Amino acid sequence: MHFRDATLDDLPTIVAIYNSTIASRMVTADTDEVTVDSRRKWFDEHSPTKRPLWMVSVGQHEIGWVSFQSFYGRPAYNATVEISIYLDTAARGKGYGKEILNEAMKRCSPLGIKTLLGFIFAHNEPSIKLFKQAGFTEWANFPNVAELDGVERSLIILGKRLSS
């Protein structure tokens, strides 16, 4: 498995992988596909030295991406980030998420990251299981804060302190 910093040329692949998760109503609160142009600002908010966006490949195949995003946008929270992992359809269910999450946690210290957060729908049992197996615990539960196709959904925030 290989991690590299994403480039602007990767944005169409990032968007395609992201869009492939929308229909399941398990992963994202977006209900319609996003465009490359609409994700440009989000892409530009990443930085290899503070808030990386990595492409992940196995051999010659791009299997997904992982991003770190600032939490709450205020300086006191600089050491806390939200992690997001998205896999290509063909790569799901093969253990790559676990490998990616574990590797991402190992790379946090040089980035100044001490706390990781995962924002996960409560009905997304595979992702909750993945994060809990990596030592994350439930830090917050927002009942019925999202509505997807007329069904109210809860959001769970899982957290893990990496260092003190």
N, C-alpha and C. Protein backbone atom coordinates (compact mmCIF):
# COMPACT_ATOMS: atom_id res chain seq x y z
N MET A 1 0.86 -1.17 0.00
CA MET A 1 0.00 0.00 0.00
C MET A 1 0.90 1.23 0.00
N HIS A 2 0.55 2.19 -0.83
CA HIS A 2 1.35 3.40 -0.98
C HIS A 2 0.47 4.63 -0.78
N PHE A 3 0.97 5.58 0.00
CA PHE A 3 0.30 6.86 0.22
C PHE A 3 1.11 7.95 -0.48
N ARG A 4 0.42 8.86 -1.13
CA ARG A 4 1.09 10.04 -1.70
C ARG A 4 0.15 11.23 -1.59
N ASP A 5 0.75 12.42 -1.54
CA ASP A 5 -0.06 13.63 -1.51
C ASP A 5 -0.86 13.74 -2.79
N ALA A 6 -2.14 14.06 -2.65
CA ALA A 6 -2.99 14.25 -3.82
C ALA A 6 -2.61 15.54 -4.53
N THR A 7 -2.77 15.51 -5.85
CA THR A 7 -2.56 16.70 -6.67
C THR A 7 -3.91 17.10 -7.26
N LEU A 8 -3.94 18.27 -7.84
CA LEU A 8 -5.18 18.73 -8.46
C LEU A 8 -5.63 17.77 -9.55
N ASP A 9 -4.69 17.11 -10.21
CA ASP A 9 -5.04 16.12 -11.23
C ASP A 9 -5.80 14.93 -10.66
N ASP A 10 -5.67 14.70 -9.34
CA ASP A 10 -6.38 13.60 -8.68
C ASP A 10 -7.82 13.94 -8.33
N LEU A 11 -8.17 15.22 -8.39
CA LEU A 11 -9.49 15.63 -7.92
C LEU A 11 -10.64 14.92 -8.65
N PRO A 12 -10.58 14.70 -9.97
CA PRO A 12 -11.66 13.94 -10.60
C PRO A 12 -11.82 12.52 -10.03
N THR A 13 -10.71 11.87 -9.72
CA THR A 13 -10.77 10.53 -9.12
C THR A 13 -11.34 10.60 -7.71
N ILE A 14 -10.90 11.58 -6.93
CA ILE A 14 -11.41 11.77 -5.57
C ILE A 14 -12.92 11.97 -5.61
N VAL A 15 -13.38 12.81 -6.50
CA VAL A 15 -14.82 13.09 -6.62
C VAL A 15 -15.58 11.85 -7.08
N ALA A 16 -15.03 11.11 -8.01
CA ALA A 16 -15.71 9.89 -8.49
C ALA A 16 -15.86 8.87 -7.36
N ILE A 17 -14.82 8.69 -6.56
CA ILE A 17 -14.89 7.76 -5.44
C ILE A 17 -15.92 8.25 -4.42
N TYR A 18 -15.87 9.54 -4.12
CA TYR A 18 -16.84 10.11 -3.19
C TYR A 18 -18.27 9.92 -3.69
N ASN A 19 -18.49 10.26 -4.95
CA ASN A 19 -19.83 10.15 -5.52
C ASN A 19 -20.35 8.71 -5.51
N SER A 20 -19.44 7.74 -5.58
CA SER A 20 -19.87 6.34 -5.58
C SER A 20 -20.48 5.92 -4.25
N THR A 21 -20.31 6.74 -3.20
CA THR A 21 -20.86 6.40 -1.89
C THR A 21 -22.21 7.05 -1.62
N ILE A 22 -22.60 8.01 -2.41
CA ILE A 22 -23.80 8.81 -2.11
C ILE A 22 -25.08 7.97 -2.14
N ALA A 23 -25.23 7.15 -3.15
CA ALA A 23 -26.50 6.40 -3.31
C ALA A 23 -26.79 5.46 -2.14
N SER A 24 -25.77 4.98 -1.45
CA SER A 24 -25.98 4.04 -0.35
C SER A 24 -26.64 4.70 0.86
N ARG A 25 -26.51 6.02 0.97
CA ARG A 25 -27.05 6.77 2.11
C ARG A 25 -26.44 6.31 3.43
N MET A 26 -25.22 5.75 3.36
CA MET A 26 -24.52 5.24 4.55
C MET A 26 -23.35 6.12 4.96
N VAL A 27 -22.77 6.86 4.02
CA VAL A 27 -21.46 7.45 4.26
C VAL A 27 -21.48 8.97 4.34
N THR A 28 -22.25 9.61 3.51
CA THR A 28 -22.23 11.06 3.42
C THR A 28 -23.64 11.64 3.50
N ALA A 29 -23.71 12.88 3.94
CA ALA A 29 -25.00 13.57 3.99
C ALA A 29 -25.34 14.24 2.66
N ASP A 30 -24.42 14.19 1.70
CA ASP A 30 -24.76 14.67 0.36
C ASP A 30 -25.79 13.72 -0.23
N THR A 31 -26.78 14.28 -0.89
CA THR A 31 -27.83 13.45 -1.49
C THR A 31 -27.75 13.45 -3.01
N ASP A 32 -26.97 14.37 -3.57
CA ASP A 32 -26.73 14.43 -5.00
C ASP A 32 -25.23 14.43 -5.23
N GLU A 33 -24.82 13.96 -6.39
CA GLU A 33 -23.40 13.93 -6.71
C GLU A 33 -22.82 15.34 -6.69
N VAL A 34 -21.55 15.41 -6.29
CA VAL A 34 -20.82 16.67 -6.27
C VAL A 34 -20.01 16.77 -7.55
N THR A 35 -19.55 17.97 -7.85
CA THR A 35 -18.73 18.19 -9.04
C THR A 35 -17.29 18.48 -8.63
N VAL A 36 -16.40 18.33 -9.58
CA VAL A 36 -15.00 18.66 -9.34
C VAL A 36 -14.89 20.13 -8.94
N ASP A 37 -15.59 21.00 -9.64
CA ASP A 37 -15.53 22.43 -9.32
C ASP A 37 -16.03 22.72 -7.91
N SER A 38 -17.07 22.02 -7.47
CA SER A 38 -17.62 22.27 -6.14
C SER A 38 -16.69 21.78 -5.03
N ARG A 39 -15.75 20.90 -5.34
CA ARG A 39 -14.82 20.36 -4.34
C ARG A 39 -13.45 21.05 -4.35
N ARG A 40 -13.29 22.04 -5.23
CA ARG A 40 -11.99 22.70 -5.36
C ARG A 40 -11.59 23.43 -4.07
N LYS A 41 -12.50 24.17 -3.46
CA LYS A 41 -12.19 24.89 -2.22
C LYS A 41 -11.78 23.89 -1.13
N TRP A 42 -12.53 22.80 -1.00
CA TRP A 42 -12.20 21.74 -0.03
C TRP A 42 -10.80 21.19 -0.30
N PHE A 43 -10.50 20.93 -1.56
CA PHE A 43 -9.18 20.43 -1.94
C PHE A 43 -8.09 21.42 -1.51
N ASP A 44 -8.31 22.70 -1.79
CA ASP A 44 -7.31 23.73 -1.49
C ASP A 44 -7.09 23.92 0.01
N GLU A 45 -8.03 23.49 0.84
CA GLU A 45 -7.88 23.62 2.30
C GLU A 45 -6.91 22.58 2.87
N HIS A 46 -6.50 21.63 2.05
CA HIS A 46 -5.55 20.62 2.51
C HIS A 46 -4.11 21.08 2.30
N SER A 47 -3.24 20.55 3.15
CA SER A 47 -1.83 20.90 3.09
C SER A 47 -1.01 19.67 3.46
N PRO A 48 0.01 19.32 2.68
CA PRO A 48 0.81 18.14 3.01
C PRO A 48 1.46 18.18 4.39
N THR A 49 1.71 19.38 4.92
CA THR A 49 2.40 19.49 6.20
C THR A 49 1.48 19.62 7.41
N LYS A 50 0.20 19.93 7.20
CA LYS A 50 -0.72 20.12 8.33
C LYS A 50 -2.02 19.32 8.19
N ARG A 51 -2.66 19.39 7.04
CA ARG A 51 -3.95 18.74 6.78
C ARG A 51 -3.87 18.00 5.45
N PRO A 52 -3.18 16.87 5.44
CA PRO A 52 -2.95 16.19 4.16
C PRO A 52 -4.21 15.56 3.55
N LEU A 53 -4.12 15.39 2.27
CA LEU A 53 -5.08 14.64 1.48
C LEU A 53 -4.23 13.66 0.69
N TRP A 54 -4.37 12.38 1.02
CA TRP A 54 -3.53 11.36 0.41
C TRP A 54 -4.33 10.47 -0.52
N MET A 55 -3.72 10.17 -1.64
CA MET A 55 -4.22 9.11 -2.51
C MET A 55 -3.59 7.82 -2.02
N VAL A 56 -4.35 6.74 -2.06
CA VAL A 56 -3.87 5.45 -1.61
C VAL A 56 -3.93 4.48 -2.79
N SER A 57 -2.82 3.79 -3.01
CA SER A 57 -2.79 2.83 -4.11
C SER A 57 -2.22 1.50 -3.63
N VAL A 58 -2.61 0.48 -4.34
CA VAL A 58 -2.04 -0.87 -4.17
C VAL A 58 -1.56 -1.26 -5.55
N GLY A 59 -0.25 -1.48 -5.66
CA GLY A 59 0.31 -1.70 -6.99
C GLY A 59 0.09 -0.45 -7.82
N GLN A 60 -0.44 -0.62 -9.00
CA GLN A 60 -0.70 0.50 -9.90
C GLN A 60 -2.13 1.04 -9.79
N HIS A 61 -2.92 0.50 -8.85
CA HIS A 61 -4.33 0.85 -8.76
C HIS A 61 -4.60 1.81 -7.61
N GLU A 62 -5.22 2.95 -7.96
CA GLU A 62 -5.69 3.89 -6.93
C GLU A 62 -6.92 3.26 -6.29
N ILE A 63 -6.85 3.00 -4.98
CA ILE A 63 -7.98 2.33 -4.32
C ILE A 63 -8.80 3.28 -3.46
N GLY A 64 -8.28 4.47 -3.21
CA GLY A 64 -9.05 5.39 -2.38
C GLY A 64 -8.25 6.60 -1.97
N TRP A 65 -8.81 7.31 -1.00
CA TRP A 65 -8.14 8.50 -0.49
C TRP A 65 -8.49 8.69 0.99
N VAL A 66 -7.65 9.45 1.65
CA VAL A 66 -7.85 9.77 3.07
C VAL A 66 -7.54 11.24 3.25
N SER A 67 -8.37 11.92 4.04
CA SER A 67 -8.13 13.34 4.28
C SER A 67 -8.21 13.66 5.77
N PHE A 68 -7.49 14.70 6.13
CA PHE A 68 -7.56 15.29 7.45
C PHE A 68 -8.13 16.69 7.30
N GLN A 69 -9.16 17.01 8.09
CA GLN A 69 -9.76 18.33 8.05
C GLN A 69 -9.76 18.93 9.44
N SER A 70 -9.55 20.23 9.48
CA SER A 70 -9.55 20.93 10.76
C SER A 70 -10.89 20.79 11.44
N PHE A 71 -10.85 20.69 12.76
CA PHE A 71 -12.05 20.60 13.57
C PHE A 71 -12.38 21.98 14.11
N TYR A 72 -13.52 22.45 13.82
CA TYR A 72 -14.11 23.66 14.39
C TYR A 72 -13.43 24.96 13.97
N GLY A 73 -12.31 24.90 13.27
CA GLY A 73 -11.71 26.08 12.66
C GLY A 73 -11.16 27.15 13.58
N ARG A 74 -10.85 26.81 14.82
CA ARG A 74 -10.27 27.80 15.73
C ARG A 74 -8.92 27.28 16.22
N PRO A 75 -7.97 28.19 16.48
CA PRO A 75 -6.61 27.79 16.79
C PRO A 75 -6.45 26.81 17.96
N ALA A 76 -7.29 26.92 18.96
CA ALA A 76 -7.15 26.04 20.12
C ALA A 76 -7.39 24.57 19.76
N TYR A 77 -8.03 24.34 18.61
CA TYR A 77 -8.32 22.97 18.18
C TYR A 77 -7.34 22.47 17.11
N ASN A 78 -6.22 23.14 16.91
CA ASN A 78 -5.30 22.77 15.83
C ASN A 78 -4.79 21.33 15.90
N ALA A 79 -4.74 20.74 17.09
CA ALA A 79 -4.22 19.38 17.22
C ALA A 79 -5.32 18.33 17.08
N THR A 80 -6.54 18.76 16.76
CA THR A 80 -7.67 17.85 16.59
C THR A 80 -8.16 17.93 15.15
N VAL A 81 -8.31 16.77 14.52
CA VAL A 81 -8.76 16.74 13.13
C VAL A 81 -9.79 15.65 12.91
N GLU A 82 -10.59 15.88 11.88
CA GLU A 82 -11.53 14.86 11.41
C GLU A 82 -10.83 14.07 10.31
N ILE A 83 -10.88 12.75 10.42
CA ILE A 83 -10.32 11.90 9.38
C ILE A 83 -11.46 11.32 8.55
N SER A 84 -11.25 11.29 7.24
CA SER A 84 -12.22 10.70 6.33
C SER A 84 -11.47 9.73 5.42
N ILE A 85 -12.05 8.56 5.25
CA ILE A 85 -11.48 7.53 4.37
C ILE A 85 -12.55 7.12 3.38
N TYR A 86 -12.21 7.16 2.11
CA TYR A 86 -13.13 6.76 1.05
C TYR A 86 -12.43 5.77 0.14
N LEU A 87 -13.10 4.67 -0.14
CA LEU A 87 -12.52 3.62 -0.98
C LEU A 87 -13.32 3.46 -2.27
N ASP A 88 -12.60 3.12 -3.33
CA ASP A 88 -13.22 2.77 -4.59
C ASP A 88 -14.11 1.56 -4.35
N THR A 89 -15.19 1.47 -5.12
CA THR A 89 -16.15 0.37 -4.96
C THR A 89 -15.46 -0.99 -4.95
N ALA A 90 -14.52 -1.21 -5.84
CA ALA A 90 -13.85 -2.52 -5.95
C ALA A 90 -12.94 -2.81 -4.76
N ALA A 91 -12.58 -1.80 -3.98
CA ALA A 91 -11.65 -1.99 -2.86
C ALA A 91 -12.35 -2.17 -1.52
N ARG A 92 -13.66 -2.01 -1.49
CA ARG A 92 -14.38 -2.10 -0.22
C ARG A 92 -14.51 -3.54 0.26
N GLY A 93 -14.47 -3.70 1.58
CA GLY A 93 -14.67 -5.01 2.18
C GLY A 93 -13.46 -5.93 2.10
N LYS A 94 -12.29 -5.38 1.82
CA LYS A 94 -11.08 -6.19 1.66
C LYS A 94 -10.02 -5.90 2.72
N GLY A 95 -10.38 -5.13 3.73
CA GLY A 95 -9.43 -4.84 4.80
C GLY A 95 -8.57 -3.61 4.56
N TYR A 96 -8.76 -2.93 3.45
CA TYR A 96 -7.95 -1.74 3.17
C TYR A 96 -8.25 -0.60 4.13
N GLY A 97 -9.50 -0.45 4.53
CA GLY A 97 -9.86 0.61 5.46
C GLY A 97 -9.06 0.51 6.76
N LYS A 98 -8.93 -0.69 7.26
CA LYS A 98 -8.16 -0.92 8.48
C LYS A 98 -6.70 -0.54 8.29
N GLU A 99 -6.11 -0.96 7.19
CA GLU A 99 -4.72 -0.63 6.90
C GLU A 99 -4.53 0.88 6.76
N ILE A 100 -5.44 1.52 6.06
CA ILE A 100 -5.34 2.96 5.85
C ILE A 100 -5.47 3.71 7.17
N LEU A 101 -6.45 3.34 7.98
CA LEU A 101 -6.65 4.01 9.26
C LEU A 101 -5.43 3.84 10.16
N ASN A 102 -4.91 2.63 10.24
CA ASN A 102 -3.73 2.39 11.07
C ASN A 102 -2.52 3.19 10.59
N GLU A 103 -2.30 3.22 9.29
CA GLU A 103 -1.17 3.98 8.75
C GLU A 103 -1.37 5.48 8.97
N ALA A 104 -2.58 5.96 8.78
CA ALA A 104 -2.86 7.38 9.00
C ALA A 104 -2.57 7.78 10.44
N MET A 105 -2.95 6.93 11.39
CA MET A 105 -2.69 7.23 12.80
C MET A 105 -1.19 7.31 13.07
N LYS A 106 -0.41 6.45 12.45
CA LYS A 106 1.05 6.47 12.62
C LYS A 106 1.66 7.76 12.11
N ARG A 107 1.03 8.38 11.13
CA ARG A 107 1.58 9.58 10.49
C ARG A 107 1.12 10.88 11.15
N CYS A 108 0.36 10.80 12.22
CA CYS A 108 -0.22 12.00 12.83
C CYS A 108 0.78 12.85 13.61
N SER A 109 1.69 12.24 14.34
CA SER A 109 2.59 13.00 15.21
C SER A 109 3.37 14.08 14.46
N PRO A 110 4.02 13.78 13.34
CA PRO A 110 4.75 14.84 12.63
C PRO A 110 3.85 15.97 12.11
N LEU A 111 2.55 15.69 12.01
CA LEU A 111 1.59 16.70 11.54
C LEU A 111 1.05 17.55 12.69
N GLY A 112 1.46 17.22 13.92
CA GLY A 112 0.97 17.95 15.09
C GLY A 112 -0.43 17.54 15.51
N ILE A 113 -0.87 16.37 15.07
CA ILE A 113 -2.21 15.88 15.38
C ILE A 113 -2.16 14.99 16.61
N LYS A 114 -2.97 15.33 17.60
CA LYS A 114 -3.03 14.56 18.84
C LYS A 114 -4.35 13.84 19.03
N THR A 115 -5.39 14.32 18.35
CA THR A 115 -6.72 13.75 18.50
C THR A 115 -7.36 13.59 17.13
N LEU A 116 -7.90 12.39 16.89
CA LEU A 116 -8.62 12.11 15.64
C LEU A 116 -10.10 11.93 15.93
N LEU A 117 -10.92 12.43 15.03
CA LEU A 117 -12.37 12.28 15.12
C LEU A 117 -12.89 11.66 13.84
N GLY A 118 -13.87 10.77 13.99
CA GLY A 118 -14.58 10.23 12.85
C GLY A 118 -16.05 10.57 12.99
N PHE A 119 -16.62 11.23 11.99
CA PHE A 119 -18.04 11.57 11.97
C PHE A 119 -18.73 10.50 11.13
N ILE A 120 -19.53 9.65 11.77
CA ILE A 120 -20.08 8.47 11.10
C ILE A 120 -21.57 8.35 11.41
N PHE A 121 -22.36 8.09 10.36
CA PHE A 121 -23.78 7.83 10.59
C PHE A 121 -23.92 6.61 11.50
N ALA A 122 -24.87 6.66 12.42
CA ALA A 122 -25.08 5.57 13.37
C ALA A 122 -25.47 4.27 12.68
N HIS A 123 -26.08 4.33 11.50
CA HIS A 123 -26.47 3.11 10.80
C HIS A 123 -25.33 2.55 9.92
N ASN A 124 -24.18 3.22 9.90
CA ASN A 124 -23.03 2.75 9.13
C ASN A 124 -22.19 1.82 10.01
N GLU A 125 -22.74 0.65 10.26
CA GLU A 125 -22.10 -0.30 11.17
C GLU A 125 -20.70 -0.72 10.73
N PRO A 126 -20.42 -0.93 9.44
CA PRO A 126 -19.05 -1.31 9.07
C PRO A 126 -18.01 -0.24 9.44
N SER A 127 -18.33 1.02 9.23
CA SER A 127 -17.37 2.08 9.58
C SER A 127 -17.22 2.22 11.09
N ILE A 128 -18.32 2.11 11.82
CA ILE A 128 -18.23 2.18 13.28
C ILE A 128 -17.37 1.03 13.80
N LYS A 129 -17.57 -0.15 13.27
CA LYS A 129 -16.76 -1.31 13.67
C LYS A 129 -15.28 -1.07 13.36
N LEU A 130 -14.98 -0.55 12.18
CA LEU A 130 -13.61 -0.26 11.79
C LEU A 130 -12.93 0.67 12.79
N PHE A 131 -13.60 1.77 13.10
CA PHE A 131 -13.00 2.75 13.99
C PHE A 131 -12.88 2.20 15.42
N LYS A 132 -13.88 1.50 15.89
CA LYS A 132 -13.81 0.94 17.24
C LYS A 132 -12.69 -0.10 17.35
N GLN A 133 -12.48 -0.90 16.32
CA GLN A 133 -11.39 -1.86 16.32
C GLN A 133 -10.03 -1.17 16.39
N ALA A 134 -9.96 0.07 15.93
CA ALA A 134 -8.72 0.84 15.97
C ALA A 134 -8.58 1.62 17.28
N GLY A 135 -9.50 1.41 18.21
CA GLY A 135 -9.39 2.04 19.51
C GLY A 135 -10.18 3.32 19.69
N PHE A 136 -10.98 3.69 18.71
CA PHE A 136 -11.84 4.86 18.85
C PHE A 136 -13.03 4.51 19.75
N THR A 137 -13.52 5.50 20.48
CA THR A 137 -14.71 5.31 21.30
C THR A 137 -15.72 6.40 20.96
N GLU A 138 -16.97 6.16 21.32
CA GLU A 138 -18.01 7.13 21.03
C GLU A 138 -17.88 8.32 21.96
N TRP A 139 -17.76 9.49 21.36
CA TRP A 139 -17.64 10.73 22.12
C TRP A 139 -18.89 11.58 22.04
N ALA A 140 -19.71 11.35 21.02
CA ALA A 140 -20.93 12.14 20.89
C ALA A 140 -21.94 11.39 20.04
N ASN A 141 -23.21 11.67 20.31
CA ASN A 141 -24.30 11.08 19.53
C ASN A 141 -25.31 12.20 19.27
N PHE A 142 -25.51 12.48 18.00
CA PHE A 142 -26.47 13.49 17.60
C PHE A 142 -27.67 12.78 16.99
N PRO A 143 -28.71 12.54 17.78
CA PRO A 143 -29.85 11.77 17.30
C PRO A 143 -30.65 12.49 16.22
N ASN A 144 -30.91 11.78 15.14
CA ASN A 144 -31.82 12.23 14.09
C ASN A 144 -31.51 13.63 13.56
N VAL A 145 -30.23 13.93 13.34
CA VAL A 145 -29.85 15.27 12.86
C VAL A 145 -29.82 15.36 11.34
N ALA A 146 -29.91 14.23 10.66
CA ALA A 146 -29.89 14.23 9.20
C ALA A 146 -31.16 13.53 8.69
N GLU A 147 -31.59 13.94 7.51
CA GLU A 147 -32.71 13.26 6.88
C GLU A 147 -32.30 12.86 5.48
N LEU A 148 -32.34 11.57 5.23
CA LEU A 148 -31.97 11.00 3.94
C LEU A 148 -33.17 10.26 3.37
N ASP A 149 -33.71 10.76 2.29
CA ASP A 149 -34.86 10.14 1.63
C ASP A 149 -36.02 9.93 2.60
N GLY A 150 -36.27 10.93 3.44
CA GLY A 150 -37.38 10.87 4.37
C GLY A 150 -37.12 10.08 5.64
N VAL A 151 -35.91 9.56 5.80
CA VAL A 151 -35.56 8.79 6.99
C VAL A 151 -34.57 9.61 7.83
N GLU A 152 -34.93 9.82 9.08
CA GLU A 152 -34.03 10.55 9.97
C GLU A 152 -32.88 9.63 10.38
N ARG A 153 -31.67 10.20 10.39
CA ARG A 153 -30.47 9.44 10.72
C ARG A 153 -29.67 10.17 11.79
N SER A 154 -29.04 9.38 12.64
CA SER A 154 -28.22 9.93 13.71
C SER A 154 -26.75 9.94 13.29
N LEU A 155 -26.00 10.87 13.88
CA LEU A 155 -24.58 11.00 13.62
C LEU A 155 -23.83 10.68 14.91
N ILE A 156 -22.84 9.83 14.78
CA ILE A 156 -21.97 9.47 15.90
C ILE A 156 -20.61 10.10 15.66
N ILE A 157 -20.01 10.66 16.68
CA ILE A 157 -18.63 11.11 16.59
C ILE A 157 -17.80 10.16 17.43
N LEU A 158 -16.87 9.49 16.76
CA LEU A 158 -15.93 8.60 17.44
C LEU A 158 -14.60 9.35 17.55
N GLY A 159 -13.95 9.21 18.68
CA GLY A 159 -12.69 9.92 18.88
C GLY A 159 -11.62 9.03 19.45
N LYS A 160 -10.39 9.46 19.21
CA LYS A 160 -9.24 8.75 19.78
C LYS A 160 -8.13 9.76 20.04
N ARG A 161 -7.64 9.74 21.27
CA ARG A 161 -6.50 10.56 21.66
C ARG A 161 -5.25 9.78 21.32
N LEU A 162 -4.38 10.36 20.50
CA LEU A 162 -3.18 9.67 20.04
C LEU A 162 -1.99 9.88 20.95
N SER A 163 -1.89 11.07 21.52
CA SER A 163 -0.79 11.36 22.45
C SER A 163 -1.22 12.46 23.39
N SER A 164 -0.47 12.61 24.46
CA SER A 164 -0.84 13.65 25.43
C SER A 164 0.06 14.85 25.35
